[in-house]
């Protein structure tokens, strides 16, 4: 089992310095709005490569006191326990002007991707409350995070595809686009795009299988499919050919109008046979939560180490009492460490005695006594 046993924050968001000792079970954080609950989850999310659960630059999360224009250098230190023992990790900006955050494992500076050998994170935040009503790009990013948790190479494929696409857009926007350069960039997009599509399909099929096996759960079952361009995997050369045939149209539009970056995650409430966008707000939230739980359940079996750690921000408040209790039971049954937040301690009454409760007040963390 993978879990955090210690967390220390220095000059991160609302925290000057805070530390927390943890066990392997669930943790619930409660406190008023603005107390720093989501900031703590965001700090944990930086224990993976990327921009964290808020999707911001590392320079934006440093603590700022009144009158300070620039955020301070910040640091997050954690001890991660896994099958092979405990590992000390740290990340942060060594100076306020550092171009990127540093990552350390056992005191050695390493590439951010090395963190994936120690921990995988799956999170759900209020930003996803309107997931089925927003643009396809929001659903694509949400789904890609689920893919990434299972297959870290997916992030590299997405990054390579986006880089080649930006360069292709720049070449197409020039006065005399070089066809040989475009051929090379489109082949790069084809190779990375094919990898992206295949990873998405593998994850979608695995998730659907997991969801279909959860018929005794109190959350609505979902039917999943990939819509938009390239819902099915295609060979690199085929994708490159399609892109080459779209040059004139893409030049006029100023962007690539076809490709896996235009895909969409389509979700249907299986019990009602209705698109998720037509369901009630509560049903939509339950559908999203079921996707996250299904992924966590799958990863807890497929990847024995590291298991996923769940970050669930303000989830409990949007569930009725029966589903809230079912969520807590599910987390406990999965045997995963999970961090949940809420404004009212009463939301976590069913977790009393089986989870660590932490009061959050203006950047201070106070664990509750048993």
Protein backbone atom coordinates (compact mmCIF):
# COMPACT_ATOMS: atom_id res chain seq x y z
CA UNK A 1 0.00 0.00 0.00
CA UNK A 2 1.16 3.52 -0.82
CA UNK A 3 0.44 6.38 1.57
CA UNK A 4 1.91 9.60 2.94
CA UNK A 5 3.18 9.31 6.50
CA UNK A 6 4.39 12.89 6.90
CA UNK A 7 3.77 16.17 5.12
CA UNK A 8 5.53 19.50 5.69
CA UNK A 9 4.62 22.74 3.90
CA UNK A 10 6.80 25.85 3.89
CA UNK A 11 5.57 29.16 2.44
CA UNK A 12 3.00 27.40 0.28
CA UNK A 13 -0.17 29.43 -0.37
CA UNK A 14 -1.70 30.26 3.05
CA UNK A 15 0.79 28.14 4.98
CA UNK A 16 3.89 29.71 6.49
CA UNK A 17 4.89 26.37 7.92
CA UNK A 18 2.66 23.42 8.70
CA UNK A 19 3.22 19.75 9.23
CA UNK A 20 1.04 16.71 9.53
CA UNK A 21 1.74 13.12 10.57
CA UNK A 22 -0.46 10.60 8.80
CA UNK A 23 -1.49 6.98 8.85
CA UNK A 24 -2.56 4.74 5.95
CA UNK A 25 -6.31 5.43 6.20
CA UNK A 26 -8.61 8.28 5.14
CA UNK A 27 -8.08 11.87 6.27
CA UNK A 28 -10.84 14.44 6.45
CA UNK A 29 -10.07 18.16 6.60
CA UNK A 30 -12.74 20.56 7.81
CA UNK A 31 -12.84 24.29 8.31
CA UNK A 32 -14.42 27.47 7.00
CA UNK A 33 -14.09 28.65 3.42
CA UNK A 34 -10.65 30.12 2.81
CA UNK A 35 -9.05 28.28 5.75
CA UNK A 36 -6.61 26.43 3.48
CA UNK A 37 -8.18 23.00 2.90
CA UNK A 38 -7.86 23.03 -0.88
CA UNK A 39 -4.38 24.54 -0.56
CA UNK A 40 -3.31 21.44 1.34
CA UNK A 41 -4.69 19.15 -1.36
CA UNK A 42 -2.94 21.26 -3.98
CA UNK A 43 0.34 20.86 -2.11
CA UNK A 44 -0.09 17.08 -2.17
CA UNK A 45 -0.90 17.21 -5.89
CA UNK A 46 2.55 18.71 -6.50
CA UNK A 47 4.01 15.36 -5.46
CA UNK A 48 3.41 14.39 -9.08
CA UNK A 49 4.76 15.97 -12.28
CA UNK A 50 2.71 18.82 -13.69
CA UNK A 51 0.93 21.90 -12.42
CA UNK A 52 -1.11 20.38 -9.63
CA UNK A 53 -4.86 20.23 -9.22
CA UNK A 54 -5.35 23.93 -9.93
CA UNK A 55 -3.24 23.80 -13.09
CA UNK A 56 -1.03 26.79 -12.24
CA UNK A 57 2.62 27.71 -12.65
CA UNK A 58 4.95 26.87 -9.77
CA UNK A 59 5.68 30.59 -9.32
CA UNK A 60 2.01 31.26 -8.46
CA UNK A 61 1.77 29.18 -5.28
CA UNK A 62 4.41 30.84 -3.11
CA UNK A 63 3.10 32.53 0.03
CA UNK A 64 2.56 36.29 -0.16
CA UNK A 65 1.97 38.52 2.83
CA UNK A 66 0.08 41.82 2.47
CA UNK A 67 2.22 44.22 0.48
CA UNK A 68 4.36 41.53 -1.12
CA UNK A 69 4.17 41.55 -4.90
CA UNK A 70 6.02 38.32 -5.60
CA UNK A 71 5.39 34.94 -4.05
CA UNK A 72 8.12 33.45 -1.90
CA UNK A 73 10.22 30.40 -2.58
CA UNK A 74 8.25 27.44 -1.30
CA UNK A 75 8.79 23.81 -0.40
CA UNK A 76 6.80 20.64 0.15
CA UNK A 77 8.42 17.73 1.95
CA UNK A 78 6.83 14.33 2.37
CA UNK A 79 7.60 10.83 3.46
CA UNK A 80 5.95 8.26 1.22
CA UNK A 81 5.49 4.74 2.49
CA UNK A 82 5.34 1.88 -0.01
CA UNK A 83 6.02 -1.82 -0.29
CA UNK A 84 9.77 -1.20 -0.16
CA UNK A 85 9.73 1.10 2.86
CA UNK A 86 9.72 4.86 3.37
CA UNK A 87 11.12 7.44 0.95
CA UNK A 88 11.81 11.11 1.60
CA UNK A 89 10.73 13.39 -1.24
CA UNK A 90 10.62 17.13 -1.68
CA UNK A 91 9.68 19.68 -4.29
CA UNK A 92 9.45 23.45 -4.59
CA UNK A 93 11.06 26.63 -5.86
CA UNK A 94 14.55 27.14 -4.48
CA UNK A 95 14.32 30.88 -5.23
CA UNK A 96 11.26 33.01 -6.10
CA UNK A 97 12.62 33.47 -9.63
CA UNK A 98 13.42 29.83 -10.32
CA UNK A 99 12.19 28.90 -13.82
CA UNK A 100 10.84 25.55 -12.63
CA UNK A 101 10.37 23.62 -9.44
CA UNK A 102 13.03 21.24 -8.23
CA UNK A 103 12.32 17.65 -7.18
CA UNK A 104 14.40 15.70 -4.68
CA UNK A 105 14.22 12.04 -3.72
CA UNK A 106 16.32 11.04 -0.71
CA UNK A 107 18.25 14.30 -1.10
CA UNK A 108 19.14 13.70 -4.75
CA UNK A 109 17.87 16.07 -7.46
CA UNK A 110 15.86 14.07 -9.98
CA UNK A 111 13.52 14.57 -12.92
CA UNK A 112 9.86 15.14 -11.86
CA UNK A 113 8.82 11.95 -13.62
CA UNK A 114 10.66 9.91 -10.97
CA UNK A 115 7.88 10.81 -8.53
CA UNK A 116 5.59 8.44 -10.42
CA UNK A 117 7.66 5.52 -9.16
CA UNK A 118 6.54 6.42 -5.64
CA UNK A 119 2.98 7.74 -5.78
CA UNK A 120 0.03 8.16 -8.15
CA UNK A 121 -2.68 10.69 -7.43
CA UNK A 122 -6.30 10.78 -8.56
CA UNK A 123 -8.28 13.89 -7.68
CA UNK A 124 -11.73 15.39 -7.98
CA UNK A 125 -12.43 19.06 -7.33
CA UNK A 126 -15.43 21.40 -7.63
CA UNK A 127 -14.11 22.40 -11.06
CA UNK A 128 -15.50 19.10 -12.34
CA UNK A 129 -19.03 19.82 -11.08
CA UNK A 130 -19.98 21.14 -14.54
CA UNK A 131 -17.81 18.68 -16.44
CA UNK A 132 -20.61 17.41 -18.67
CA UNK A 133 -21.85 20.93 -19.43
CA UNK A 134 -18.54 22.54 -20.30
CA UNK A 135 -16.38 22.31 -23.43
CA UNK A 136 -14.97 19.03 -24.69
CA UNK A 137 -11.48 20.23 -23.73
CA UNK A 138 -12.44 20.06 -20.02
CA UNK A 139 -13.64 16.47 -20.32
CA UNK A 140 -10.56 15.57 -22.33
CA UNK A 141 -8.23 16.94 -19.66
CA UNK A 142 -10.18 15.14 -16.94
CA UNK A 143 -10.04 11.85 -18.80
CA UNK A 144 -6.37 12.29 -19.69
CA UNK A 145 -5.59 12.59 -15.97
CA UNK A 146 -7.24 9.21 -15.45
CA UNK A 147 -5.21 7.78 -18.33
CA UNK A 148 -2.04 9.35 -16.96
CA UNK A 149 -2.57 7.77 -13.53
CA UNK A 150 -2.56 4.33 -15.16
CA UNK A 151 -0.02 4.99 -17.91
CA UNK A 152 2.51 7.74 -17.12
CA UNK A 153 3.88 7.56 -20.68
CA UNK A 154 0.58 9.07 -21.84
CA UNK A 155 1.64 12.47 -20.48
CA UNK A 156 4.82 12.37 -22.55
CA UNK A 157 2.83 11.51 -25.67
CA UNK A 158 0.42 14.39 -25.05
CA UNK A 159 3.32 16.80 -24.50
CA UNK A 160 5.08 15.64 -27.68
CA UNK A 161 1.88 15.95 -29.69
CA UNK A 162 1.14 19.45 -28.39
CA UNK A 163 4.70 20.62 -29.07
CA UNK A 164 4.64 19.34 -32.66
CA UNK A 165 1.17 20.85 -33.18
CA UNK A 166 2.31 24.28 -31.98
CA UNK A 167 5.31 24.16 -34.32
CA UNK A 168 3.10 23.07 -37.21
CA UNK A 169 0.70 25.96 -36.55
CA UNK A 170 3.65 28.36 -36.60
CA UNK A 171 4.94 26.96 -39.89
CA UNK A 172 1.51 27.10 -41.50
CA UNK A 173 1.21 30.72 -40.39
CA UNK A 174 4.46 31.69 -42.10
CA UNK A 175 4.77 33.30 -45.51
CA UNK A 176 6.20 30.22 -47.26
CA UNK A 177 5.51 27.04 -45.29
CA UNK A 178 8.17 24.39 -45.86
CA UNK A 179 6.36 21.19 -46.97
CA UNK A 180 9.22 18.93 -45.82
CA UNK A 181 9.17 20.50 -42.35
CA UNK A 182 5.40 20.05 -42.24
CA UNK A 183 5.78 16.40 -43.27
CA UNK A 184 8.16 15.83 -40.36
CA UNK A 185 5.94 17.61 -37.84
CA UNK A 186 2.82 15.79 -39.01
CA UNK A 187 4.59 12.46 -38.68
CA UNK A 188 5.56 13.43 -35.12
CA UNK A 189 1.93 14.33 -34.43
CA UNK A 190 0.86 11.04 -36.00
CA UNK A 191 3.21 8.97 -33.85
CA UNK A 192 2.33 10.76 -30.60
CA UNK A 193 -1.36 10.98 -31.51
CA UNK A 194 -1.56 7.26 -32.17
CA UNK A 195 -0.04 6.55 -28.76
CA UNK A 196 -2.51 8.97 -27.15
CA UNK A 197 -5.51 7.34 -28.81
CA UNK A 198 -4.41 3.82 -27.94
CA UNK A 199 -3.83 4.72 -24.28
CA UNK A 200 -7.23 6.41 -24.09
CA UNK A 201 -8.95 3.37 -25.55
CA UNK A 202 -7.18 0.99 -23.16
CA UNK A 203 -8.18 3.12 -20.18
CA UNK A 204 -11.75 3.56 -21.37
CA UNK A 205 -12.22 -0.19 -21.89
CA UNK A 206 -10.71 -0.98 -18.48
CA UNK A 207 -12.85 1.67 -16.79
CA UNK A 208 -16.01 0.42 -18.47
CA UNK A 209 -15.26 -3.11 -17.34
CA UNK A 210 -14.68 -1.89 -13.79
CA UNK A 211 -17.87 0.17 -13.78
CA UNK A 212 -19.94 -2.73 -15.14
CA UNK A 213 -18.70 -4.87 -12.24
CA UNK A 214 -19.91 -2.34 -9.68
CA UNK A 215 -23.62 -3.09 -9.98
CA UNK A 216 -24.04 -3.39 -6.21
CA UNK A 217 -22.75 0.14 -5.57
CA UNK A 218 -25.09 3.07 -4.79
CA UNK A 219 -23.60 5.20 -7.56
CA UNK A 220 -25.15 5.32 -11.05
CA UNK A 221 -23.54 3.17 -13.72
CA UNK A 222 -22.10 4.96 -16.73
CA UNK A 223 -21.70 4.06 -20.37
CA UNK A 224 -18.44 5.47 -21.72
CA UNK A 225 -17.31 6.20 -25.27
CA UNK A 226 -14.81 8.37 -27.07
CA UNK A 227 -16.28 10.90 -29.47
CA UNK A 228 -14.85 13.58 -31.68
CA UNK A 229 -11.88 13.05 -33.96
CA UNK A 230 -10.05 9.74 -33.81
CA UNK A 231 -12.22 8.03 -31.26
CA UNK A 232 -10.52 4.85 -32.48
CA UNK A 233 -6.77 4.37 -32.68
CA UNK A 234 -5.14 4.98 -36.06
CA UNK A 235 -1.72 4.25 -37.47
CA UNK A 236 0.81 7.13 -37.32
CA UNK A 237 1.06 7.33 -41.10
CA UNK A 238 -2.72 7.52 -41.40
CA UNK A 239 -2.94 10.38 -38.91
CA UNK A 240 -0.10 12.18 -40.66
CA UNK A 241 -1.88 11.81 -43.99
CA UNK A 242 -5.10 13.24 -42.60
CA UNK A 243 -3.20 16.22 -41.17
CA UNK A 244 -1.42 16.81 -44.47
CA UNK A 245 -4.76 16.88 -46.26
CA UNK A 246 -6.03 19.49 -43.82
CA UNK A 247 -3.25 22.05 -44.28
CA UNK A 248 -5.26 24.60 -46.27
CA UNK A 249 -8.20 24.43 -43.87
CA UNK A 250 -5.93 24.64 -40.82
CA UNK A 251 -4.05 27.60 -42.28
CA UNK A 252 -7.30 29.52 -42.72
CA UNK A 253 -8.43 28.65 -39.20
CA UNK A 254 -5.05 29.32 -37.58
CA UNK A 255 -5.18 25.99 -35.73
CA UNK A 256 -5.40 22.25 -36.30
CA UNK A 257 -9.03 21.31 -36.87
CA UNK A 258 -8.61 17.56 -36.70
CA UNK A 259 -6.66 15.17 -34.53
CA UNK A 260 -6.85 13.45 -31.12
CA UNK A 261 -6.66 16.86 -29.44
CA UNK A 262 -10.26 17.30 -30.63
CA UNK A 263 -11.58 14.14 -28.98
CA UNK A 264 -14.26 14.02 -26.31
CA UNK A 265 -15.34 11.77 -23.47
CA UNK A 266 -19.00 10.87 -23.83
CA UNK A 267 -20.86 9.59 -20.76
CA UNK A 268 -24.38 8.18 -20.54
CA UNK A 269 -26.32 7.44 -17.36
CA UNK A 270 -26.80 3.71 -18.03
CA UNK A 271 -29.78 3.28 -15.75
CA UNK A 272 -31.73 6.09 -17.39
CA UNK A 273 -30.21 5.80 -20.88
CA UNK A 274 -29.66 9.56 -20.96
CA UNK A 275 -26.55 11.64 -21.70
CA UNK A 276 -24.91 12.85 -18.51
CA UNK A 277 -25.46 16.47 -19.56
CA UNK A 278 -29.24 15.91 -19.31
CA UNK A 279 -29.10 14.47 -15.79
CA UNK A 280 -29.55 16.36 -12.55
CA UNK A 281 -26.63 18.06 -10.84
CA UNK A 282 -26.56 15.38 -8.16
CA UNK A 283 -26.59 12.59 -10.73
CA UNK A 284 -23.78 14.22 -12.67
CA UNK A 285 -21.66 14.49 -9.53
CA UNK A 286 -22.33 10.84 -8.70
CA UNK A 287 -21.38 9.77 -12.23
CA UNK A 288 -18.06 11.63 -12.05
CA UNK A 289 -17.36 10.23 -8.61
CA UNK A 290 -18.06 6.71 -9.85
CA UNK A 291 -15.50 7.22 -12.64
CA UNK A 292 -12.87 8.28 -10.11
CA UNK A 293 -13.67 5.42 -7.73
CA UNK A 294 -13.63 2.91 -10.59
CA UNK A 295 -10.19 4.14 -11.64
CA UNK A 296 -8.92 3.99 -8.07
CA UNK A 297 -10.30 0.48 -7.65
CA UNK A 298 -8.70 -0.66 -10.88
CA UNK A 299 -5.33 0.86 -10.08
CA UNK A 300 -5.33 -0.60 -6.59
CA UNK A 301 -5.41 -4.06 -8.18
CA UNK A 302 -3.41 -3.52 -11.37
CA UNK A 303 -0.56 -1.52 -9.85
CA UNK A 304 0.33 -3.10 -6.52
CA UNK A 305 2.92 -0.39 -5.96
CA UNK A 306 2.33 2.46 -6.07
CA UNK A 307 -1.35 2.42 -5.24
CA UNK A 308 -3.29 5.61 -5.92
CA UNK A 309 -3.90 8.28 -3.29
CA UNK A 310 -7.26 10.05 -3.62
CA UNK A 311 -7.79 13.80 -3.27
CA UNK A 312 -11.51 14.59 -3.02
CA UNK A 313 -12.21 18.29 -2.57
CA UNK A 314 -15.68 19.28 -1.30
CA UNK A 315 -17.18 16.02 -2.53
CA UNK A 316 -19.12 15.05 0.59
CA UNK A 317 -21.24 18.22 0.63
CA UNK A 318 -22.75 17.37 -2.76
CA UNK A 319 -23.90 13.88 -1.79
CA UNK A 320 -26.95 12.83 0.20
CA UNK A 321 -26.33 10.99 3.45
CA UNK A 322 -26.67 7.48 1.99
CA UNK A 323 -24.24 8.14 -0.85
CA UNK A 324 -21.88 9.95 1.50
CA UNK A 325 -21.78 6.93 3.80
CA UNK A 326 -21.34 4.68 0.76
CA UNK A 327 -18.39 6.77 -0.40
CA UNK A 328 -16.68 6.42 2.96
CA UNK A 329 -17.32 2.66 2.97
CA UNK A 330 -15.94 2.38 -0.56
CA UNK A 331 -12.74 4.22 0.32
CA UNK A 332 -12.25 2.02 3.37
CA UNK A 333 -12.95 -1.14 1.35
CA UNK A 334 -10.40 -0.12 -1.27
CA UNK A 335 -7.79 0.25 1.45
CA UNK A 336 -6.50 3.50 -0.01
CA UNK A 337 -5.35 6.71 1.60
CA UNK A 338 -7.81 9.47 0.73
CA UNK A 339 -7.98 13.14 1.64
CA UNK A 340 -11.47 14.69 1.80
CA UNK A 341 -12.43 18.28 2.56
CA UNK A 342 -15.59 19.98 3.80
CA UNK A 343 -16.67 23.05 5.70
CA UNK A 344 -18.65 21.17 8.34
CA UNK A 345 -17.26 18.43 10.56
CA UNK A 346 -20.70 16.80 10.68
CA UNK A 347 -20.31 15.80 7.02
CA UNK A 348 -17.75 13.23 8.16
CA UNK A 349 -19.67 11.81 11.11
CA UNK A 350 -19.70 8.37 9.48
CA UNK A 351 -15.90 8.47 9.31
CA UNK A 352 -15.40 9.13 13.01
CA UNK A 353 -13.18 6.46 14.52
CA UNK A 354 -11.96 5.19 11.15
CA UNK A 355 -10.19 8.26 9.78
CA UNK A 356 -7.92 11.07 10.90
CA UNK A 357 -9.82 14.32 11.36
CA UNK A 358 -7.94 17.58 10.95
CA UNK A 359 -9.27 21.04 11.76
CA UNK A 360 -7.95 23.69 9.35
CA UNK A 361 -7.91 27.28 10.61
CA UNK A 362 -6.13 30.05 8.72
CA UNK A 363 -3.30 27.85 7.59
CA UNK A 364 -2.97 25.91 10.85
CA UNK A 365 -3.57 22.16 11.06
CA UNK A 366 -4.93 20.60 14.26
CA UNK A 367 -5.42 16.82 14.28
CA UNK A 368 -8.36 15.66 16.37
CA UNK A 369 -7.81 13.33 19.26
CA UNK A 370 -9.47 9.92 19.10
